[in-house]
Amino acid sequence: MDNMKKIIAAAAATVAGAAVTVATLNPGHTTPLDTTAENIYAFKLKNIDGKDTGLDKYKGKVLLVVNVASKCGLTPQYEGLEALYKKYKDKGLVVMGFPANEFGGQEPGSNEEIKKFCTGKYDVTFPMFSKIVVKGEETHPLYKWLLSQTPQHQDIEWNFAKFLVGRDGKVIQRFHPKTTPEDKDLVASLEKALASK
């Protein structure tokens, strides 16, 4: 009986230890992390038109991954993101928009409505994807992975958080939602990534 108690206690300690490890990785936040994928090319999503799209089609490109929203104070960043895309796409940049409704319900529309808004108001030509969840227990695997790839594992703060991904498919840097597409540090990091072969 004593042996059984010891086994149960040891098992409980192991589980508690695992819980502490997970909490340390993502302290005080609700989004689970995912460190299993080697690079962003492991993921498949639906584009804004509902067609399956493997991110491996962007191998060798520099990616700027952004969770977007149509009714946010930061929504005008669409203009800067499109300008970045037009300026650098021939050098290998792809801006990727991922609509999400986790912040203030600021992306309530359907994929069709989102596409119409982006193309109509901001002339968006960079790739847009179907709405996904970027925060909480239902977070899409792509965002679980993105969160795990930079030193700050905290949840996405708001609409228009940005992840810069290098030509090798690995995350280089995470930028705060209020960091505009014109920000000199963001542009410098992007240009450095584009210069890398």
N, C-alpha and C. Protein backbone atom coordinates (compact mmCIF):
# COMPACT_ATOMS: atom_id res chain seq x y z
N MET A 1 0.83 -1.21 0.00
CA MET A 1 0.00 0.00 0.00
C MET A 1 0.86 1.25 0.00
N ASP A 2 1.93 1.23 0.81
CA ASP A 2 2.84 2.37 0.84
C ASP A 2 3.50 2.58 -0.52
N ASN A 3 3.85 1.46 -1.18
CA ASN A 3 4.45 1.57 -2.51
C ASN A 3 3.48 2.22 -3.50
N MET A 4 2.21 1.84 -3.40
CA MET A 4 1.20 2.42 -4.28
C MET A 4 1.08 3.92 -4.05
N LYS A 5 1.11 4.34 -2.79
CA LYS A 5 1.04 5.77 -2.47
C LYS A 5 2.23 6.51 -3.06
N LYS A 6 3.40 5.87 -2.98
CA LYS A 6 4.61 6.49 -3.52
C LYS A 6 4.52 6.65 -5.03
N ILE A 7 3.98 5.62 -5.69
CA ILE A 7 3.83 5.67 -7.15
C ILE A 7 2.87 6.79 -7.55
N ILE A 8 1.73 6.86 -6.82
CA ILE A 8 0.73 7.90 -7.11
C ILE A 8 1.32 9.29 -6.87
N ALA A 9 2.08 9.44 -5.80
CA ALA A 9 2.70 10.73 -5.48
C ALA A 9 3.71 11.12 -6.55
N ALA A 10 4.49 10.13 -7.02
CA ALA A 10 5.49 10.40 -8.05
C ALA A 10 4.81 10.83 -9.35
N ALA A 11 3.71 10.13 -9.68
CA ALA A 11 2.98 10.46 -10.91
C ALA A 11 2.40 11.87 -10.82
N ALA A 12 1.85 12.21 -9.66
CA ALA A 12 1.28 13.54 -9.45
C ALA A 12 2.35 14.62 -9.59
N ALA A 13 3.54 14.33 -9.06
CA ALA A 13 4.64 15.29 -9.14
C ALA A 13 5.07 15.50 -10.59
N THR A 14 5.06 14.39 -11.36
CA THR A 14 5.43 14.48 -12.78
C THR A 14 4.44 15.35 -13.54
N VAL A 15 3.15 15.12 -13.30
CA VAL A 15 2.10 15.92 -13.95
C VAL A 15 2.22 17.38 -13.56
N ALA A 16 2.45 17.64 -12.28
CA ALA A 16 2.60 19.02 -11.80
C ALA A 16 3.80 19.67 -12.46
N GLY A 17 4.88 18.91 -12.59
CA GLY A 17 6.08 19.44 -13.24
C GLY A 17 5.82 19.81 -14.67
N ALA A 18 5.07 18.96 -15.37
CA ALA A 18 4.73 19.24 -16.78
C ALA A 18 3.88 20.50 -16.87
N ALA A 19 2.95 20.64 -15.94
CA ALA A 19 2.09 21.83 -15.94
C ALA A 19 2.90 23.09 -15.72
N VAL A 20 3.90 22.99 -14.83
CA VAL A 20 4.76 24.14 -14.58
C VAL A 20 5.55 24.50 -15.83
N THR A 21 6.02 23.47 -16.55
CA THR A 21 6.78 23.71 -17.78
C THR A 21 5.93 24.45 -18.81
N VAL A 22 4.70 23.99 -19.01
CA VAL A 22 3.80 24.64 -19.96
C VAL A 22 3.52 26.08 -19.53
N ALA A 23 3.27 26.28 -18.25
CA ALA A 23 2.98 27.62 -17.74
C ALA A 23 4.17 28.54 -17.94
N THR A 24 5.38 27.99 -17.81
CA THR A 24 6.58 28.79 -17.99
C THR A 24 6.72 29.22 -19.45
N LEU A 25 6.36 28.31 -20.35
CA LEU A 25 6.44 28.64 -21.76
C LEU A 25 5.47 29.77 -22.14
N ASN A 26 4.32 29.76 -21.52
CA ASN A 26 3.26 30.70 -21.91
C ASN A 26 2.60 31.26 -20.65
N PRO A 27 3.35 32.02 -19.84
CA PRO A 27 2.87 32.42 -18.53
C PRO A 27 1.63 33.31 -18.56
N GLY A 28 0.60 32.91 -17.83
CA GLY A 28 -0.56 33.76 -17.64
C GLY A 28 -1.41 33.99 -18.87
N HIS A 29 -1.28 33.14 -19.87
CA HIS A 29 -2.02 33.36 -21.10
C HIS A 29 -2.81 32.11 -21.48
N THR A 30 -3.75 32.30 -22.39
CA THR A 30 -4.70 31.24 -22.70
C THR A 30 -4.39 30.50 -23.99
N THR A 31 -3.47 30.97 -24.77
CA THR A 31 -3.18 30.32 -26.04
C THR A 31 -2.10 29.26 -25.87
N PRO A 32 -2.42 28.00 -26.23
CA PRO A 32 -1.39 26.95 -26.15
C PRO A 32 -0.31 27.20 -27.20
N LEU A 33 0.88 26.70 -26.93
CA LEU A 33 1.98 26.83 -27.88
C LEU A 33 2.14 25.54 -28.67
N ASP A 34 2.80 25.64 -29.81
CA ASP A 34 3.09 24.47 -30.63
C ASP A 34 4.48 24.62 -31.20
N THR A 35 5.39 23.76 -30.77
CA THR A 35 6.78 23.86 -31.24
C THR A 35 7.13 22.69 -32.16
N THR A 36 6.13 21.95 -32.63
CA THR A 36 6.43 20.73 -33.39
C THR A 36 6.83 20.99 -34.83
N ALA A 37 6.30 22.02 -35.46
CA ALA A 37 6.62 22.29 -36.86
C ALA A 37 8.02 22.90 -36.98
N GLU A 38 8.75 22.48 -38.00
CA GLU A 38 10.10 23.01 -38.20
C GLU A 38 10.07 24.39 -38.83
N ASN A 39 9.06 24.64 -39.66
CA ASN A 39 8.94 25.93 -40.32
C ASN A 39 7.48 26.18 -40.72
N ILE A 40 7.23 27.33 -41.27
CA ILE A 40 5.86 27.74 -41.60
C ILE A 40 5.26 26.93 -42.74
N TYR A 41 6.13 26.24 -43.49
CA TYR A 41 5.65 25.49 -44.64
C TYR A 41 4.85 24.25 -44.26
N ALA A 42 4.84 23.91 -42.99
CA ALA A 42 4.10 22.74 -42.53
C ALA A 42 2.59 22.97 -42.52
N PHE A 43 2.17 24.23 -42.67
CA PHE A 43 0.75 24.56 -42.45
C PHE A 43 -0.03 24.73 -43.75
N LYS A 44 -1.28 24.30 -43.68
CA LYS A 44 -2.22 24.48 -44.78
C LYS A 44 -3.44 25.20 -44.25
N LEU A 45 -3.92 26.17 -45.00
CA LEU A 45 -5.09 26.95 -44.60
C LEU A 45 -5.98 27.16 -45.81
N LYS A 46 -7.12 27.78 -45.57
CA LYS A 46 -7.98 28.17 -46.68
C LYS A 46 -7.76 29.65 -46.98
N ASN A 47 -7.68 29.97 -48.26
CA ASN A 47 -7.55 31.38 -48.60
C ASN A 47 -8.90 32.07 -48.46
N ILE A 48 -8.95 33.35 -48.75
CA ILE A 48 -10.17 34.14 -48.53
C ILE A 48 -11.34 33.62 -49.38
N ASP A 49 -11.01 32.90 -50.46
CA ASP A 49 -12.04 32.32 -51.32
C ASP A 49 -12.40 30.89 -50.94
N GLY A 50 -11.83 30.40 -49.82
CA GLY A 50 -12.16 29.07 -49.33
C GLY A 50 -11.37 27.94 -49.97
N LYS A 51 -10.34 28.26 -50.73
CA LYS A 51 -9.53 27.23 -51.39
C LYS A 51 -8.36 26.83 -50.49
N ASP A 52 -8.10 25.51 -50.39
CA ASP A 52 -6.98 25.02 -49.60
C ASP A 52 -5.67 25.57 -50.15
N THR A 53 -4.85 26.08 -49.25
CA THR A 53 -3.57 26.68 -49.65
C THR A 53 -2.47 26.21 -48.71
N GLY A 54 -1.51 25.50 -49.25
CA GLY A 54 -0.34 25.11 -48.47
C GLY A 54 0.65 26.25 -48.46
N LEU A 55 1.16 26.59 -47.28
CA LEU A 55 2.11 27.71 -47.21
C LEU A 55 3.46 27.35 -47.83
N ASP A 56 3.64 26.09 -48.17
CA ASP A 56 4.88 25.70 -48.84
C ASP A 56 4.97 26.32 -50.23
N LYS A 57 3.86 26.85 -50.75
CA LYS A 57 3.92 27.53 -52.05
C LYS A 57 4.73 28.81 -51.97
N TYR A 58 5.01 29.27 -50.72
CA TYR A 58 5.77 30.50 -50.52
C TYR A 58 7.22 30.23 -50.13
N LYS A 59 7.69 29.01 -50.36
CA LYS A 59 9.09 28.69 -50.02
C LYS A 59 10.04 29.65 -50.70
N GLY A 60 11.03 30.11 -49.93
CA GLY A 60 12.04 31.01 -50.47
C GLY A 60 11.65 32.48 -50.43
N LYS A 61 10.42 32.76 -50.00
CA LYS A 61 9.97 34.14 -49.90
C LYS A 61 10.15 34.65 -48.46
N VAL A 62 10.15 35.96 -48.30
CA VAL A 62 10.10 36.58 -46.98
C VAL A 62 8.63 36.89 -46.73
N LEU A 63 8.11 36.48 -45.58
CA LEU A 63 6.69 36.62 -45.28
C LEU A 63 6.46 37.59 -44.12
N LEU A 64 5.44 38.42 -44.26
CA LEU A 64 4.99 39.26 -43.15
C LEU A 64 3.57 38.81 -42.84
N VAL A 65 3.41 38.09 -41.73
CA VAL A 65 2.14 37.48 -41.35
C VAL A 65 1.42 38.43 -40.38
N VAL A 66 0.19 38.83 -40.73
CA VAL A 66 -0.53 39.85 -39.97
C VAL A 66 -1.96 39.40 -39.70
N ASN A 67 -2.40 39.46 -38.43
CA ASN A 67 -3.83 39.23 -38.15
C ASN A 67 -4.56 40.57 -38.31
N VAL A 68 -5.54 40.58 -39.19
CA VAL A 68 -6.16 41.84 -39.62
C VAL A 68 -7.63 41.93 -39.19
N ALA A 69 -8.16 43.14 -39.24
CA ALA A 69 -9.57 43.37 -38.91
C ALA A 69 -10.06 44.61 -39.65
N SER A 70 -11.35 44.62 -39.97
CA SER A 70 -11.93 45.67 -40.81
C SER A 70 -12.47 46.87 -40.04
N LYS A 71 -12.73 46.71 -38.74
CA LYS A 71 -13.39 47.77 -37.98
C LYS A 71 -12.56 48.20 -36.77
N CYS A 72 -11.26 48.28 -36.96
CA CYS A 72 -10.32 48.59 -35.88
C CYS A 72 -9.71 49.96 -36.12
N GLY A 73 -9.27 50.59 -35.04
CA GLY A 73 -8.55 51.85 -35.18
C GLY A 73 -7.26 51.69 -35.97
N LEU A 74 -6.75 50.47 -36.03
CA LEU A 74 -5.51 50.20 -36.76
C LEU A 74 -5.76 49.73 -38.19
N THR A 75 -7.02 49.63 -38.58
CA THR A 75 -7.37 49.15 -39.92
C THR A 75 -6.67 49.93 -41.05
N PRO A 76 -6.45 51.24 -40.90
CA PRO A 76 -5.72 51.96 -41.96
C PRO A 76 -4.32 51.41 -42.24
N GLN A 77 -3.81 50.54 -41.37
CA GLN A 77 -2.52 49.90 -41.66
C GLN A 77 -2.58 49.07 -42.94
N TYR A 78 -3.78 48.69 -43.37
CA TYR A 78 -3.91 47.98 -44.65
C TYR A 78 -3.20 48.75 -45.76
N GLU A 79 -3.34 50.07 -45.73
CA GLU A 79 -2.73 50.90 -46.76
C GLU A 79 -1.21 50.75 -46.76
N GLY A 80 -0.61 50.79 -45.58
CA GLY A 80 0.84 50.64 -45.47
C GLY A 80 1.30 49.23 -45.82
N LEU A 81 0.51 48.24 -45.43
CA LEU A 81 0.87 46.86 -45.77
C LEU A 81 0.85 46.63 -47.28
N GLU A 82 -0.16 47.19 -47.94
CA GLU A 82 -0.24 47.08 -49.40
C GLU A 82 0.93 47.81 -50.07
N ALA A 83 1.30 48.98 -49.52
CA ALA A 83 2.43 49.73 -50.06
C ALA A 83 3.74 48.94 -49.92
N LEU A 84 3.92 48.31 -48.75
CA LEU A 84 5.10 47.46 -48.54
C LEU A 84 5.15 46.35 -49.56
N TYR A 85 3.99 45.69 -49.73
CA TYR A 85 3.91 44.56 -50.66
C TYR A 85 4.26 44.99 -52.08
N LYS A 86 3.69 46.10 -52.51
CA LYS A 86 3.96 46.57 -53.87
C LYS A 86 5.43 46.95 -54.05
N LYS A 87 6.01 47.54 -53.01
CA LYS A 87 7.40 47.99 -53.11
C LYS A 87 8.39 46.83 -53.14
N TYR A 88 8.11 45.77 -52.37
CA TYR A 88 9.11 44.72 -52.19
C TYR A 88 8.73 43.36 -52.77
N LYS A 89 7.56 43.22 -53.36
CA LYS A 89 7.14 41.89 -53.80
C LYS A 89 8.07 41.33 -54.87
N ASP A 90 8.61 42.19 -55.74
CA ASP A 90 9.52 41.70 -56.78
C ASP A 90 10.87 41.26 -56.22
N LYS A 91 11.13 41.66 -54.96
CA LYS A 91 12.36 41.22 -54.29
C LYS A 91 12.11 39.97 -53.42
N GLY A 92 10.83 39.55 -53.35
CA GLY A 92 10.54 38.31 -52.63
C GLY A 92 9.66 38.44 -51.41
N LEU A 93 9.04 39.61 -51.18
CA LEU A 93 8.17 39.76 -50.01
C LEU A 93 6.74 39.33 -50.33
N VAL A 94 6.14 38.61 -49.38
CA VAL A 94 4.71 38.31 -49.44
C VAL A 94 4.10 38.74 -48.11
N VAL A 95 3.16 39.69 -48.16
CA VAL A 95 2.38 40.05 -46.99
C VAL A 95 1.18 39.10 -46.95
N MET A 96 0.84 38.58 -45.77
CA MET A 96 -0.27 37.65 -45.63
C MET A 96 -1.25 38.16 -44.60
N GLY A 97 -2.50 38.34 -44.97
CA GLY A 97 -3.52 38.82 -44.06
C GLY A 97 -4.40 37.69 -43.54
N PHE A 98 -4.52 37.62 -42.21
CA PHE A 98 -5.34 36.59 -41.57
C PHE A 98 -6.42 37.27 -40.72
N PRO A 99 -7.63 37.42 -41.27
CA PRO A 99 -8.71 38.06 -40.51
C PRO A 99 -9.04 37.28 -39.24
N ALA A 100 -9.24 38.02 -38.14
CA ALA A 100 -9.57 37.38 -36.86
C ALA A 100 -10.51 38.30 -36.09
N ASN A 101 -11.40 37.70 -35.33
CA ASN A 101 -12.46 38.47 -34.65
C ASN A 101 -12.32 38.43 -33.13
N GLU A 102 -11.12 38.15 -32.63
CA GLU A 102 -10.94 37.99 -31.18
C GLU A 102 -10.83 39.30 -30.41
N PHE A 103 -10.65 40.40 -31.09
CA PHE A 103 -10.36 41.65 -30.39
C PHE A 103 -11.49 42.66 -30.63
N GLY A 104 -12.35 42.79 -29.63
CA GLY A 104 -13.45 43.74 -29.72
C GLY A 104 -14.47 43.42 -30.79
N GLY A 105 -14.48 42.17 -31.28
CA GLY A 105 -15.42 41.80 -32.34
C GLY A 105 -15.28 42.68 -33.56
N GLN A 106 -14.04 43.05 -33.91
CA GLN A 106 -13.81 44.03 -34.96
C GLN A 106 -13.63 43.44 -36.35
N GLU A 107 -13.86 42.11 -36.46
CA GLU A 107 -13.88 41.47 -37.77
C GLU A 107 -15.09 40.54 -37.84
N PRO A 108 -16.30 41.13 -37.80
CA PRO A 108 -17.52 40.32 -37.70
C PRO A 108 -18.00 39.74 -39.02
N GLY A 109 -17.52 40.25 -40.14
CA GLY A 109 -18.07 39.89 -41.44
C GLY A 109 -17.67 38.50 -41.93
N SER A 110 -18.30 38.11 -43.02
CA SER A 110 -17.96 36.86 -43.70
C SER A 110 -16.68 37.06 -44.50
N ASN A 111 -16.09 35.96 -44.97
CA ASN A 111 -14.89 36.08 -45.81
C ASN A 111 -15.17 36.92 -47.05
N GLU A 112 -16.35 36.73 -47.63
CA GLU A 112 -16.72 37.49 -48.82
C GLU A 112 -16.79 38.98 -48.51
N GLU A 113 -17.38 39.33 -47.36
CA GLU A 113 -17.47 40.74 -46.96
C GLU A 113 -16.10 41.33 -46.68
N ILE A 114 -15.24 40.54 -46.04
CA ILE A 114 -13.88 41.00 -45.73
C ILE A 114 -13.11 41.27 -47.02
N LYS A 115 -13.21 40.35 -47.97
CA LYS A 115 -12.52 40.52 -49.25
C LYS A 115 -13.00 41.77 -49.97
N LYS A 116 -14.30 41.97 -49.98
CA LYS A 116 -14.88 43.14 -50.64
C LYS A 116 -14.39 44.43 -49.99
N PHE A 117 -14.33 44.43 -48.65
CA PHE A 117 -13.86 45.61 -47.92
C PHE A 117 -12.40 45.90 -48.24
N CYS A 118 -11.55 44.88 -48.15
CA CYS A 118 -10.11 45.08 -48.34
C CYS A 118 -9.76 45.54 -49.74
N THR A 119 -10.38 44.89 -50.71
CA THR A 119 -10.06 45.26 -52.09
C THR A 119 -10.71 46.59 -52.48
N GLY A 120 -11.92 46.83 -51.97
CA GLY A 120 -12.64 48.05 -52.32
C GLY A 120 -12.08 49.29 -51.67
N LYS A 121 -11.79 49.22 -50.37
CA LYS A 121 -11.35 50.41 -49.63
C LYS A 121 -9.84 50.62 -49.69
N TYR A 122 -9.07 49.51 -49.67
CA TYR A 122 -7.61 49.65 -49.59
C TYR A 122 -6.86 49.05 -50.78
N ASP A 123 -7.60 48.58 -51.78
CA ASP A 123 -6.98 48.01 -52.98
C ASP A 123 -5.95 46.93 -52.63
N VAL A 124 -6.31 46.08 -51.67
CA VAL A 124 -5.41 45.02 -51.23
C VAL A 124 -5.21 43.98 -52.33
N THR A 125 -3.95 43.71 -52.65
CA THR A 125 -3.63 42.67 -53.63
C THR A 125 -2.79 41.55 -53.03
N PHE A 126 -2.31 41.75 -51.79
CA PHE A 126 -1.53 40.67 -51.16
C PHE A 126 -2.46 39.54 -50.73
N PRO A 127 -1.93 38.33 -50.52
CA PRO A 127 -2.78 37.18 -50.19
C PRO A 127 -3.55 37.36 -48.89
N MET A 128 -4.85 37.12 -48.96
CA MET A 128 -5.72 37.14 -47.79
C MET A 128 -6.25 35.73 -47.56
N PHE A 129 -6.43 35.38 -46.29
CA PHE A 129 -6.87 34.04 -45.93
C PHE A 129 -8.22 34.10 -45.22
N SER A 130 -8.86 32.93 -45.10
CA SER A 130 -10.14 32.86 -44.40
C SER A 130 -9.96 33.21 -42.94
N LYS A 131 -11.03 33.66 -42.31
CA LYS A 131 -10.99 34.01 -40.89
C LYS A 131 -10.49 32.84 -40.06
N ILE A 132 -9.62 33.15 -39.11
CA ILE A 132 -9.13 32.12 -38.19
C ILE A 132 -9.14 32.69 -36.77
N VAL A 133 -8.89 31.82 -35.81
CA VAL A 133 -8.79 32.23 -34.41
C VAL A 133 -7.31 32.37 -34.06
N VAL A 134 -6.93 33.49 -33.45
CA VAL A 134 -5.52 33.75 -33.15
C VAL A 134 -5.24 33.88 -31.65
N LYS A 135 -6.28 33.67 -30.82
CA LYS A 135 -6.08 33.78 -29.37
C LYS A 135 -7.04 32.84 -28.65
N GLY A 136 -6.54 32.19 -27.58
CA GLY A 136 -7.39 31.32 -26.78
C GLY A 136 -7.25 29.85 -27.13
N GLU A 137 -8.08 29.04 -26.53
CA GLU A 137 -7.99 27.59 -26.68
C GLU A 137 -8.21 27.11 -28.11
N GLU A 138 -8.99 27.86 -28.88
CA GLU A 138 -9.31 27.44 -30.26
C GLU A 138 -8.35 28.03 -31.29
N THR A 139 -7.24 28.56 -30.83
CA THR A 139 -6.27 29.18 -31.74
C THR A 139 -5.84 28.23 -32.85
N HIS A 140 -5.76 28.75 -34.05
CA HIS A 140 -5.31 27.95 -35.20
C HIS A 140 -3.87 27.48 -34.96
N PRO A 141 -3.54 26.26 -35.41
CA PRO A 141 -2.17 25.74 -35.22
C PRO A 141 -1.08 26.67 -35.74
N LEU A 142 -1.34 27.40 -36.82
CA LEU A 142 -0.34 28.34 -37.33
C LEU A 142 0.04 29.35 -36.27
N TYR A 143 -0.96 29.92 -35.59
CA TYR A 143 -0.67 30.94 -34.59
C TYR A 143 -0.11 30.35 -33.30
N LYS A 144 -0.47 29.12 -32.97
CA LYS A 144 0.18 28.45 -31.84
C LYS A 144 1.67 28.32 -32.12
N TRP A 145 1.99 28.00 -33.36
CA TRP A 145 3.40 27.85 -33.75
C TRP A 145 4.10 29.20 -33.77
N LEU A 146 3.47 30.20 -34.38
CA LEU A 146 4.09 31.53 -34.43
C LEU A 146 4.42 32.04 -33.03
N LEU A 147 3.48 31.87 -32.10
CA LEU A 147 3.70 32.33 -30.73
C LEU A 147 4.89 31.64 -30.07
N SER A 148 5.14 30.41 -30.46
CA SER A 148 6.22 29.64 -29.83
C SER A 148 7.59 30.01 -30.39
N GLN A 149 7.62 30.77 -31.47
CA GLN A 149 8.88 30.97 -32.20
C GLN A 149 9.65 32.24 -31.87
N THR A 150 9.12 33.08 -30.97
CA THR A 150 9.87 34.26 -30.57
C THR A 150 9.99 34.27 -29.04
N PRO A 151 10.93 35.02 -28.50
CA PRO A 151 11.11 35.02 -27.04
C PRO A 151 9.87 35.44 -26.27
N GLN A 152 9.05 36.33 -26.86
CA GLN A 152 7.84 36.75 -26.16
C GLN A 152 6.68 35.83 -26.59
N HIS A 153 6.35 34.85 -25.74
CA HIS A 153 5.31 33.88 -26.07
C HIS A 153 3.91 34.39 -25.74
N GLN A 154 3.80 35.63 -25.31
CA GLN A 154 2.50 36.15 -24.90
C GLN A 154 1.49 36.10 -26.04
N ASP A 155 0.22 36.06 -25.65
CA ASP A 155 -0.86 36.07 -26.62
C ASP A 155 -0.74 37.26 -27.57
N ILE A 156 -1.35 37.12 -28.74
CA ILE A 156 -1.48 38.24 -29.66
C ILE A 156 -2.19 39.37 -28.91
N GLU A 157 -1.60 40.57 -28.98
CA GLU A 157 -2.12 41.68 -28.18
C GLU A 157 -3.40 42.28 -28.75
N TRP A 158 -3.47 42.38 -30.09
CA TRP A 158 -4.60 43.05 -30.73
C TRP A 158 -4.51 42.79 -32.22
N ASN A 159 -5.43 43.39 -32.97
CA ASN A 159 -5.37 43.29 -34.42
C ASN A 159 -4.07 43.91 -34.94
N PHE A 160 -3.55 43.36 -36.02
CA PHE A 160 -2.38 43.86 -36.73
C PHE A 160 -1.05 43.59 -36.03
N ALA A 161 -1.00 42.51 -35.23
CA ALA A 161 0.31 42.00 -34.79
C ALA A 161 1.01 41.43 -36.02
N LYS A 162 2.34 41.48 -36.01
CA LYS A 162 3.08 41.10 -37.22
C LYS A 162 4.22 40.14 -36.89
N PHE A 163 4.37 39.12 -37.73
CA PHE A 163 5.49 38.19 -37.62
C PHE A 163 6.26 38.23 -38.94
N LEU A 164 7.56 38.48 -38.85
CA LEU A 164 8.42 38.46 -40.02
C LEU A 164 9.07 37.08 -40.12
N VAL A 165 8.88 36.44 -41.26
CA VAL A 165 9.38 35.07 -41.48
C VAL A 165 10.41 35.11 -42.61
N GLY A 166 11.56 34.49 -42.37
CA GLY A 166 12.64 34.52 -43.35
C GLY A 166 12.45 33.54 -44.50
N ARG A 167 13.39 33.57 -45.43
CA ARG A 167 13.32 32.71 -46.61
C ARG A 167 13.40 31.23 -46.26
N ASP A 168 13.85 30.92 -45.06
CA ASP A 168 13.93 29.53 -44.61
C ASP A 168 12.64 29.06 -43.92
N GLY A 169 11.64 29.95 -43.87
CA GLY A 169 10.37 29.58 -43.27
C GLY A 169 10.34 29.69 -41.76
N LYS A 170 11.37 30.30 -41.18
CA LYS A 170 11.44 30.44 -39.72
C LYS A 170 11.23 31.90 -39.29
N VAL A 171 10.60 32.06 -38.13
CA VAL A 171 10.28 33.41 -37.66
C VAL A 171 11.56 34.16 -37.28
N ILE A 172 11.66 35.38 -37.77
CA ILE A 172 12.79 36.26 -37.46
C ILE A 172 12.45 37.18 -36.30
N GLN A 173 11.26 37.76 -36.35
CA GLN A 173 10.92 38.80 -35.37
C GLN A 173 9.40 38.98 -35.28
N ARG A 174 8.95 39.38 -34.10
CA ARG A 174 7.54 39.71 -33.87
C ARG A 174 7.42 41.20 -33.61
N PHE A 175 6.41 41.84 -34.20
CA PHE A 175 6.19 43.27 -34.04
C PHE A 175 4.83 43.53 -33.43
N HIS A 176 4.77 44.50 -32.54
CA HIS A 176 3.54 44.89 -31.86
C HIS A 176 2.52 45.43 -32.87
N PRO A 177 1.21 45.26 -32.60
CA PRO A 177 0.18 45.78 -33.50
C PRO A 177 0.34 47.26 -33.85
N LYS A 178 0.81 48.07 -32.90
CA LYS A 178 0.94 49.51 -33.17
C LYS A 178 2.20 49.85 -33.96
N THR A 179 3.05 48.86 -34.20
CA THR A 179 4.21 49.08 -35.07
C THR A 179 3.68 49.14 -36.50
N THR A 180 3.78 50.30 -37.11
CA THR A 180 3.19 50.48 -38.44
C THR A 180 4.07 49.85 -39.52
N PRO A 181 3.48 49.59 -40.68
CA PRO A 181 4.28 49.04 -41.79
C PRO A 181 5.41 49.98 -42.23
N GLU A 182 5.31 51.25 -41.90
CA GLU A 182 6.34 52.22 -42.28
C GLU A 182 7.46 52.32 -41.24
N ASP A 183 7.31 51.66 -40.09
CA ASP A 183 8.28 51.77 -39.00
C ASP A 183 9.69 51.42 -39.50
N LYS A 184 10.65 52.27 -39.15
CA LYS A 184 12.00 52.09 -39.69
C LYS A 184 12.66 50.79 -39.25
N ASP A 185 12.38 50.33 -38.03
CA ASP A 185 12.97 49.08 -37.57
C ASP A 185 12.35 47.88 -38.30
N LEU A 186 11.05 47.94 -38.50
CA LEU A 186 10.39 46.87 -39.26
C LEU A 186 10.93 46.82 -40.68
N VAL A 187 11.01 47.97 -41.33
CA VAL A 187 11.50 48.01 -42.71
C VAL A 187 12.94 47.54 -42.79
N ALA A 188 13.77 47.94 -41.82
CA ALA A 188 15.17 47.51 -41.80
C ALA A 188 15.28 45.99 -41.66
N SER A 189 14.47 45.41 -40.77
CA SER A 189 14.48 43.95 -40.60
C SER A 189 14.01 43.24 -41.85
N LEU A 190 12.99 43.80 -42.48
CA LEU A 190 12.44 43.23 -43.70
C LEU A 190 13.49 43.28 -44.83
N GLU A 191 14.14 44.41 -44.98
CA GLU A 191 15.15 44.55 -46.03
C GLU A 191 16.33 43.62 -45.80
N LYS A 192 16.71 43.44 -44.54
CA LYS A 192 17.80 42.52 -44.22
C LYS A 192 17.40 41.09 -44.58
N ALA A 193 16.16 40.73 -44.28
CA ALA A 193 15.67 39.38 -44.62
C ALA A 193 15.64 39.18 -46.13
N LEU A 194 15.22 40.20 -46.85
CA LEU A 194 15.16 40.10 -48.31
C LEU A 194 16.56 39.99 -48.93
N ALA A 195 17.55 40.59 -48.28
CA ALA A 195 18.92 40.55 -48.79
C ALA A 195 19.57 39.19 -48.58
N SER A 196 18.98 38.40 -47.69
CA SER A 196 19.53 37.07 -47.39
C SER A 196 19.07 36.07 -48.44
N LYS A 197 19.98 35.30 -48.93
CA LYS A 197 19.65 34.31 -49.97
C LYS A 197 19.72 32.89 -49.42
